[in-house]
Amino acid sequence: MPGIRTMDGGNFCELEGKRVHDSWVANTMKSSTCIWVPRTDHNWCRTLGPRRCGLPQAKRGPEPGPRESRLHRFTVEAQDLRPPKAPSTEAVLPAFNRTVIGAELDRNFRLWRVKTIGVKHEEVEYASRWVIVATGENAEDHFPCLEGIENFRGTIIHTSSYRSGELFDGKRVLVVGCGNSGMEVSLDLCNHNALPSLAVRDSVHVLPQEMLGVSTFGLSMSLLKWFPTCLVDRFLLLMSYLMLGNTGKYGLSRPKLGPLQLKNMTGKTPVLDVGTLSKIKSGHIKVFRGIKRIKGQTVEFVDGKAACFDAIILATGYKSNVPSWLKETGMFRKEDGFPNGWKGEHGLYAVGFTKRGLLGASIDARRIAEDIHHLWESDEKKR
């Protein structure tokens, strides 16, 4: 029989439904107050500075320069995370190495029962009055339906399993998808003597990583305080043209909507160039159109071109997996796994599904905290 655990007297718990993939997390787990960033590797870095994406109550210091030091800085901030003026026994207590396999409402006790399984297949059940689904938009690898992919004779992996281009030295590699992951993987492959190509199906905004000595996203957020989105988009596109040139000449056509407008409407994040575009311009990285079909090691593209590859790396993003484990609720749509708002019924909440990044998650988090606080106070008054 699985054990049953409650948090805060059986009143509140927040569970993460992903697995731990990285060894550095093992050291973080020793702290009683920490958070966990899944699917990180040695190339990890954050886009914004600590003033814009730092953790609550974390100690502030100068922004580290080398990319290798940024992950260490983030874990230090995470270990400093504590509620204000709260004893350590009331700090955040995450449950690591556990995958949520089911959650349903116990109507007799008006509690949510969340079943989890550990790395040794041990089961633990959590009972809670409130549940916040914070697995986000990227809980599970998304594998596209490509004709003939099951018969491909080479290696196929998702970017979630990618670690380094060393394994692809001298190989012809097709990277499917031109988001930030696809562009960075292509650059890494190029730096490890592979022969990378990009399959680009849709239009994409490519922006410099920095403008005027400031991170592009940080500059955008500052400008949005004073100017409307359309003007900030025009500024970003003008600077991008001056710094990067016409990306459409190299197979990377821009959408009709500006980068920030597109992000707000569809959740599609612009690509920050970290050096990939120069490799595309020099011909070290080839750009193809979308894939039509795959035959053996030959990939045919929608414009009639074809090429042979030794490996395919799918930079096709992620998807929500909530409907697979959350039972008895109409809050989450089965077709895409997204909720119909931040608040459901019977103490069910969702945070991080707005497709608006950190800003959207922050807004949801504040609403949820205020709502639970209000309900808690109401219960205390009744007692």
Protein backbone atom coordinates (compact mmCIF):
# COMPACT_ATOMS: atom_id res chain seq x y z
CA MET A 1 0.00 0.00 0.00
CA PRO A 2 1.35 3.46 -0.83
CA GLY A 3 2.00 5.88 1.99
CA ILE A 4 -0.19 8.95 2.46
CA ARG A 5 1.34 12.31 3.16
CA THR A 6 -0.11 15.75 3.71
CA MET A 7 1.48 19.18 3.63
CA ASP A 8 0.60 21.97 6.05
CA GLY A 9 -1.86 19.80 7.95
CA GLY A 10 -3.40 18.37 4.81
CA ASN A 11 -4.39 21.79 3.48
CA PHE A 12 -2.01 22.68 0.67
CA CYS A 13 0.52 21.13 -1.67
CA GLU A 14 2.09 21.98 -5.00
CA LEU A 15 3.48 19.07 -6.99
CA GLU A 16 5.80 18.94 -9.98
CA GLY A 17 5.06 16.15 -12.44
CA LYS A 18 8.43 15.83 -14.14
CA ARG A 19 11.43 13.66 -13.47
CA VAL A 20 14.88 14.76 -12.35
CA HIS A 21 17.35 14.46 -15.23
CA ASP A 22 20.50 16.14 -14.00
CA SER A 23 23.15 15.27 -11.44
CA TRP A 24 23.41 18.81 -10.06
CA VAL A 25 19.89 18.46 -8.67
CA ALA A 26 21.10 15.79 -6.25
CA ASN A 27 23.16 18.42 -4.42
CA THR A 28 20.27 20.87 -4.40
CA MET A 29 18.00 18.24 -2.83
CA LYS A 30 20.04 18.34 0.36
CA SER A 31 18.67 21.80 1.09
CA SER A 32 15.32 22.06 2.83
CA THR A 33 14.42 25.10 0.73
CA CYS A 34 15.01 24.87 -2.97
CA ILE A 35 13.32 24.74 -6.31
CA TRP A 36 14.10 22.49 -9.21
CA VAL A 37 14.74 23.50 -12.82
CA PRO A 38 14.29 20.35 -14.96
CA ARG A 39 15.98 19.42 -18.25
CA THR A 40 19.02 21.64 -17.81
CA ASP A 41 22.46 20.84 -19.18
CA HIS A 42 25.91 22.38 -19.31
CA ASN A 43 24.76 24.94 -21.91
CA TRP A 44 22.03 26.32 -19.61
CA CYS A 45 21.75 30.07 -19.13
CA ARG A 46 18.91 32.44 -18.37
CA THR A 47 17.85 35.07 -20.87
CA LEU A 48 17.14 37.89 -18.44
CA GLY A 49 19.21 39.38 -15.66
CA PRO A 50 18.53 38.63 -11.97
CA ARG A 51 16.51 41.80 -11.50
CA ARG A 52 13.89 40.52 -13.95
CA CYS A 53 13.88 36.77 -13.33
CA GLY A 54 15.47 36.40 -9.90
CA LEU A 55 13.74 34.33 -7.28
CA PRO A 56 11.64 35.81 -4.46
CA GLN A 57 13.62 36.73 -1.34
CA ALA A 58 16.84 35.55 -3.02
CA LYS A 59 20.01 37.43 -2.16
CA ARG A 60 21.11 39.76 -4.94
CA GLY A 61 24.61 40.14 -6.28
CA PRO A 62 26.37 41.17 -9.49
CA GLU A 63 25.30 39.34 -12.64
CA PRO A 64 27.91 36.65 -13.46
CA GLY A 65 29.68 36.95 -16.78
CA PRO A 66 30.59 33.45 -18.00
CA ARG A 67 27.69 31.22 -18.98
CA GLU A 68 29.15 28.36 -16.94
CA SER A 69 28.66 30.31 -13.70
CA ARG A 70 25.01 31.23 -14.24
CA LEU A 71 23.55 27.84 -13.32
CA HIS A 72 25.54 27.85 -10.08
CA ARG A 73 24.24 31.36 -9.36
CA PHE A 74 20.65 30.24 -9.93
CA THR A 75 20.98 27.24 -7.60
CA VAL A 76 22.46 29.49 -4.91
CA GLU A 77 19.47 31.83 -5.27
CA ALA A 78 17.15 28.83 -5.08
CA GLN A 79 18.70 27.57 -1.86
CA ASP A 80 18.21 31.04 -0.33
CA LEU A 81 14.47 30.93 -1.08
CA ARG A 82 12.41 31.23 2.10
CA PRO A 83 9.08 32.80 2.96
CA PRO A 84 9.60 36.16 4.71
CA LYS A 85 9.99 35.87 8.50
CA ALA A 86 9.11 32.16 8.44
CA PRO A 87 10.98 29.44 10.33
CA SER A 88 12.81 26.85 8.26
CA THR A 89 10.18 24.23 9.09
CA GLU A 90 7.65 26.20 7.04
CA ALA A 91 9.91 26.66 4.01
CA VAL A 92 9.32 25.14 0.59
CA LEU A 93 9.68 21.36 0.78
CA PRO A 94 9.72 19.90 -2.74
CA ALA A 95 9.29 16.18 -3.43
CA PHE A 96 12.04 15.20 -5.85
CA ASN A 97 12.36 12.09 -8.00
CA ARG A 98 8.61 11.61 -8.09
CA THR A 99 6.33 11.46 -11.11
CA VAL A 100 2.62 12.19 -10.76
CA ILE A 101 0.63 9.27 -12.18
CA GLY A 102 -2.85 10.30 -11.09
CA ALA A 103 -4.84 12.96 -9.27
CA GLU A 104 -8.54 12.91 -8.45
CA LEU A 105 -10.94 14.52 -6.05
CA ASP A 106 -12.12 12.53 -3.03
CA ARG A 107 -15.61 13.98 -2.70
CA ASN A 108 -16.25 12.31 0.65
CA PHE A 109 -13.40 14.15 2.36
CA ARG A 110 -13.25 17.09 -0.08
CA LEU A 111 -9.55 16.46 -0.63
CA TRP A 112 -7.45 15.90 -3.72
CA ARG A 113 -5.54 12.62 -3.74
CA VAL A 114 -2.38 12.82 -5.83
CA LYS A 115 -0.59 9.53 -6.55
CA THR A 116 3.12 9.58 -7.36
CA ILE A 117 5.76 7.00 -8.18
CA GLY A 118 9.47 7.22 -7.38
CA VAL A 119 12.58 6.04 -9.19
CA LYS A 120 12.42 2.73 -7.31
CA HIS A 121 8.74 2.31 -8.24
CA GLU A 122 7.62 3.14 -4.71
CA GLU A 123 4.21 4.83 -4.56
CA VAL A 124 3.30 7.77 -2.34
CA GLU A 125 -0.10 9.44 -2.15
CA TYR A 126 -0.50 13.08 -1.14
CA ALA A 127 -3.78 14.38 0.28
CA SER A 128 -4.50 18.06 -0.12
CA ARG A 129 -7.38 20.48 -0.04
CA TRP A 130 -5.80 22.60 -2.79
CA VAL A 131 -3.73 21.53 -5.78
CA ILE A 132 -1.81 23.84 -8.09
CA VAL A 133 -0.93 22.35 -11.46
CA ALA A 134 2.42 23.99 -12.24
CA THR A 135 3.84 21.53 -14.76
CA GLY A 136 3.59 24.27 -17.37
CA GLU A 137 3.42 24.17 -21.12
CA ASN A 138 6.53 22.02 -21.55
CA ALA A 139 5.92 18.91 -19.48
CA GLU A 140 6.35 16.29 -22.21
CA ASP A 141 8.32 15.96 -25.44
CA HIS A 142 6.34 16.73 -28.59
CA PHE A 143 7.01 14.33 -31.46
CA PRO A 144 5.61 15.49 -34.81
CA CYS A 145 3.87 13.13 -37.22
CA LEU A 146 6.30 12.88 -40.14
CA GLU A 147 5.63 10.43 -42.93
CA GLY A 148 8.20 7.63 -42.91
CA ILE A 149 10.01 8.69 -39.74
CA GLU A 150 9.55 5.23 -38.23
CA ASN A 151 11.68 3.81 -41.07
CA PHE A 152 14.55 6.26 -40.76
CA ARG A 153 17.82 4.30 -40.69
CA GLY A 154 19.79 6.72 -38.57
CA THR A 155 19.57 8.14 -35.05
CA ILE A 156 16.51 10.11 -33.94
CA ILE A 157 16.44 12.03 -30.66
CA HIS A 158 14.49 14.92 -29.15
CA THR A 159 16.39 17.99 -27.95
CA SER A 160 15.45 17.05 -24.38
CA SER A 161 17.92 14.16 -24.74
CA TYR A 162 20.61 16.21 -26.48
CA ARG A 163 23.73 16.91 -24.42
CA SER A 164 26.62 17.71 -26.75
CA GLY A 165 27.58 17.69 -30.41
CA GLU A 166 30.57 15.44 -29.68
CA LEU A 167 28.51 12.34 -30.49
CA PHE A 168 27.77 13.68 -33.98
CA ASP A 169 31.32 14.51 -35.10
CA GLY A 170 31.47 14.25 -38.90
CA LYS A 171 27.82 13.22 -39.23
CA ARG A 172 25.12 14.81 -41.37
CA VAL A 173 22.47 15.97 -38.90
CA LEU A 174 19.05 17.44 -39.65
CA VAL A 175 17.62 19.65 -36.88
CA VAL A 176 13.84 19.88 -37.21
CA GLY A 177 12.57 23.20 -35.85
CA CYS A 178 14.13 26.67 -35.75
CA GLY A 179 13.20 27.90 -32.29
CA ASN A 180 15.83 28.80 -29.71
CA SER A 181 16.60 25.13 -29.02
CA GLY A 182 16.96 24.24 -32.70
CA MET A 183 19.21 27.20 -33.44
CA GLU A 184 21.47 26.59 -30.45
CA VAL A 185 21.73 22.86 -31.13
CA SER A 186 22.68 23.60 -34.75
CA LEU A 187 25.43 25.94 -33.58
CA ASP A 188 26.73 23.39 -31.08
CA LEU A 189 26.79 20.71 -33.77
CA CYS A 190 28.72 23.04 -36.04
CA ASN A 191 31.25 23.72 -33.29
CA HIS A 192 31.80 19.95 -32.91
CA ASN A 193 32.57 19.35 -36.60
CA ALA A 194 29.18 17.94 -37.49
CA LEU A 195 27.37 18.87 -40.72
CA PRO A 196 24.09 20.37 -39.48
CA SER A 197 21.03 21.42 -41.48
CA LEU A 198 17.85 23.15 -40.31
CA ALA A 199 14.33 22.20 -41.41
CA VAL A 200 12.25 25.38 -41.15
CA ARG A 201 8.51 25.04 -41.64
CA ASP A 202 7.22 28.38 -40.35
CA SER A 203 8.35 31.99 -40.35
CA VAL A 204 10.42 33.11 -37.36
CA HIS A 205 11.70 36.30 -35.73
CA VAL A 206 15.46 36.21 -35.17
CA LEU A 207 16.71 38.98 -32.86
CA PRO A 208 20.21 39.82 -31.59
CA GLN A 209 20.90 38.48 -28.12
CA GLU A 210 21.86 41.98 -27.02
CA MET A 211 21.02 45.49 -28.20
CA LEU A 212 22.88 48.61 -27.07
CA GLY A 213 24.81 46.50 -24.57
CA VAL A 214 21.63 45.23 -22.86
CA SER A 215 19.83 41.90 -23.22
CA THR A 216 17.15 42.18 -25.89
CA PHE A 217 14.34 40.88 -23.69
CA GLY A 218 15.42 43.12 -20.81
CA LEU A 219 15.48 46.14 -23.10
CA SER A 220 12.06 45.20 -24.49
CA MET A 221 10.53 45.01 -21.03
CA SER A 222 11.95 48.42 -20.13
CA LEU A 223 10.64 50.02 -23.33
CA LEU A 224 7.18 48.54 -22.81
CA LYS A 225 6.84 50.62 -19.66
CA TRP A 226 6.86 53.77 -21.78
CA PHE A 227 5.79 52.83 -25.31
CA PRO A 228 3.04 50.69 -26.90
CA THR A 229 3.89 47.21 -28.15
CA CYS A 230 3.70 48.17 -31.82
CA LEU A 231 6.38 50.87 -31.41
CA VAL A 232 8.67 48.57 -29.42
CA ASP A 233 8.27 45.93 -32.14
CA ARG A 234 9.28 48.45 -34.81
CA PHE A 235 12.36 49.38 -32.81
CA LEU A 236 13.33 45.70 -32.35
CA LEU A 237 12.88 44.94 -36.04
CA LEU A 238 14.87 48.01 -37.10
CA MET A 239 17.76 47.14 -34.77
CA SER A 240 17.62 43.50 -35.90
CA TYR A 241 17.84 44.54 -39.55
CA LEU A 242 20.80 46.83 -38.86
CA MET A 243 22.63 44.19 -36.80
CA LEU A 244 21.67 40.95 -38.56
CA GLY A 245 20.56 41.99 -42.02
CA ASN A 246 17.71 40.50 -44.01
CA THR A 247 17.22 37.02 -42.53
CA GLY A 248 14.72 36.14 -45.27
CA LYS A 249 17.62 35.85 -47.75
CA TYR A 250 18.80 32.79 -45.81
CA GLY A 251 15.45 30.98 -45.54
CA LEU A 252 14.36 32.57 -42.25
CA SER A 253 11.42 34.76 -43.26
CA ARG A 254 9.81 36.96 -40.63
CA PRO A 255 6.12 36.77 -39.60
CA LYS A 256 3.81 39.66 -40.43
CA LEU A 257 3.22 40.39 -36.74
CA GLY A 258 6.01 41.91 -34.66
CA PRO A 259 7.93 39.71 -32.18
CA LEU A 260 6.16 40.99 -29.06
CA GLN A 261 2.72 41.04 -30.67
CA LEU A 262 3.26 37.48 -31.87
CA LYS A 263 4.36 36.41 -28.40
CA ASN A 264 1.27 37.95 -26.80
CA MET A 265 -1.15 36.44 -29.31
CA THR A 266 0.29 32.97 -29.89
CA GLY A 267 2.95 32.44 -27.22
CA LYS A 268 5.63 31.94 -29.89
CA THR A 269 8.92 33.26 -28.54
CA PRO A 270 11.37 35.05 -30.88
CA VAL A 271 14.77 33.46 -31.41
CA LEU A 272 17.78 35.15 -29.83
CA ASP A 273 20.78 34.70 -32.09
CA VAL A 274 23.84 33.36 -30.25
CA GLY A 275 25.99 32.99 -33.37
CA THR A 276 23.92 30.56 -35.44
CA LEU A 277 22.99 33.13 -38.08
CA SER A 278 26.63 33.79 -39.00
CA LYS A 279 27.10 30.04 -39.57
CA ILE A 280 24.01 30.01 -41.79
CA LYS A 281 25.34 32.97 -43.77
CA SER A 282 28.71 31.27 -44.23
CA GLY A 283 27.07 28.06 -45.42
CA HIS A 284 28.22 25.91 -42.49
CA ILE A 285 24.56 25.36 -41.57
CA LYS A 286 22.14 24.70 -44.42
CA VAL A 287 18.48 25.72 -44.25
CA PHE A 288 15.72 23.60 -45.80
CA ARG A 289 11.97 24.03 -45.95
CA GLY A 290 9.49 21.81 -44.11
CA ILE A 291 9.70 18.02 -44.36
CA LYS A 292 7.41 16.23 -46.81
CA ARG A 293 8.45 12.62 -46.16
CA ILE A 294 11.35 10.42 -45.05
CA LYS A 295 12.61 7.42 -47.05
CA GLY A 296 15.41 5.45 -45.42
CA GLN A 297 18.12 8.04 -44.81
CA THR A 298 16.75 10.42 -47.44
CA VAL A 299 14.58 13.35 -46.37
CA GLU A 300 12.33 14.99 -48.96
CA PHE A 301 11.26 18.59 -48.41
CA VAL A 302 8.11 20.43 -49.49
CA ASP A 303 10.00 22.50 -52.12
CA GLY A 304 11.13 19.34 -53.95
CA LYS A 305 14.67 19.21 -52.57
CA ALA A 306 16.08 16.08 -50.92
CA ALA A 307 19.15 15.22 -48.84
CA CYS A 308 20.60 12.29 -46.90
CA PHE A 309 21.24 12.42 -43.16
CA ASP A 310 22.83 10.22 -40.50
CA ALA A 311 20.76 11.64 -37.63
CA ILE A 312 17.65 13.70 -36.97
CA ILE A 313 17.27 15.92 -33.90
CA LEU A 314 13.71 17.00 -33.16
CA ALA A 315 13.64 20.56 -31.82
CA THR A 316 9.86 20.45 -31.96
CA GLY A 317 9.10 21.68 -28.48
CA TYR A 318 6.98 20.26 -25.70
CA LYS A 319 3.37 19.85 -24.71
CA SER A 320 1.21 19.68 -21.61
CA ASN A 321 0.49 16.21 -20.23
CA VAL A 322 -2.07 17.17 -17.58
CA PRO A 323 -5.10 15.31 -19.05
CA SER A 324 -3.16 12.04 -18.82
CA TRP A 325 -3.04 12.12 -15.00
CA LEU A 326 -5.65 14.64 -13.79
CA LYS A 327 -9.03 12.92 -13.42
CA GLU A 328 -12.61 14.12 -13.00
CA THR A 329 -12.26 17.70 -14.14
CA GLY A 330 -13.27 19.76 -17.13
CA MET A 331 -10.75 22.48 -16.39
CA PHE A 332 -8.09 21.17 -18.79
CA ARG A 333 -8.83 20.61 -22.47
CA LYS A 334 -7.98 17.12 -23.69
CA GLU A 335 -6.94 18.26 -27.17
CA ASP A 336 -4.02 20.46 -26.05
CA GLY A 337 -3.77 19.96 -22.27
CA PHE A 338 -4.30 23.65 -21.49
CA PRO A 339 -6.70 24.97 -18.83
CA ASN A 340 -9.70 27.23 -19.30
CA GLY A 341 -8.30 29.82 -16.92
CA TRP A 342 -6.21 29.88 -13.75
CA LYS A 343 -8.94 28.68 -11.36
CA GLY A 344 -11.04 25.53 -11.51
CA GLU A 345 -13.45 23.93 -9.09
CA HIS A 346 -12.90 22.27 -5.67
CA GLY A 347 -9.51 23.92 -5.00
CA LEU A 348 -7.87 23.23 -8.35
CA TYR A 349 -5.58 25.89 -9.85
CA ALA A 350 -3.23 26.23 -12.81
CA VAL A 351 -0.16 28.43 -13.20
CA GLY A 352 2.17 28.86 -16.17
CA PHE A 353 -0.21 28.01 -19.02
CA THR A 354 -0.86 31.50 -20.40
CA LYS A 355 1.85 31.33 -23.12
CA ARG A 356 3.12 34.63 -21.75
CA GLY A 357 6.27 33.33 -20.07
CA LEU A 358 7.39 34.61 -16.67
CA LEU A 359 4.97 37.53 -16.75
CA GLY A 360 1.93 35.29 -17.23
CA ALA A 361 3.13 32.83 -14.57
CA SER A 362 3.71 35.70 -12.13
CA ILE A 363 0.18 37.05 -12.65
CA ASP A 364 -1.34 33.58 -12.14
CA ALA A 365 0.76 32.94 -9.04
CA ARG A 366 -0.36 36.16 -7.35
CA ARG A 367 -4.01 35.48 -8.13
CA ILE A 368 -3.79 31.95 -6.76
CA ALA A 369 -1.96 33.00 -3.59
CA GLU A 370 -4.52 35.73 -2.92
CA ASP A 371 -7.45 33.39 -3.55
CA ILE A 372 -6.11 30.67 -1.22
CA HIS A 373 -5.30 33.28 1.42
CA HIS A 374 -8.86 34.59 1.22
CA LEU A 375 -10.33 31.09 1.53
CA TRP A 376 -8.00 30.28 4.42
CA GLU A 377 -9.05 33.40 6.32
CA SER A 378 -12.71 32.63 5.68
CA ASP A 379 -12.30 29.16 7.16
CA GLU A 380 -10.47 30.56 10.19
CA LYS A 381 -13.31 32.97 10.89
CA LYS A 382 -15.87 30.16 10.73
CA ARG A 383 -13.93 28.25 13.35
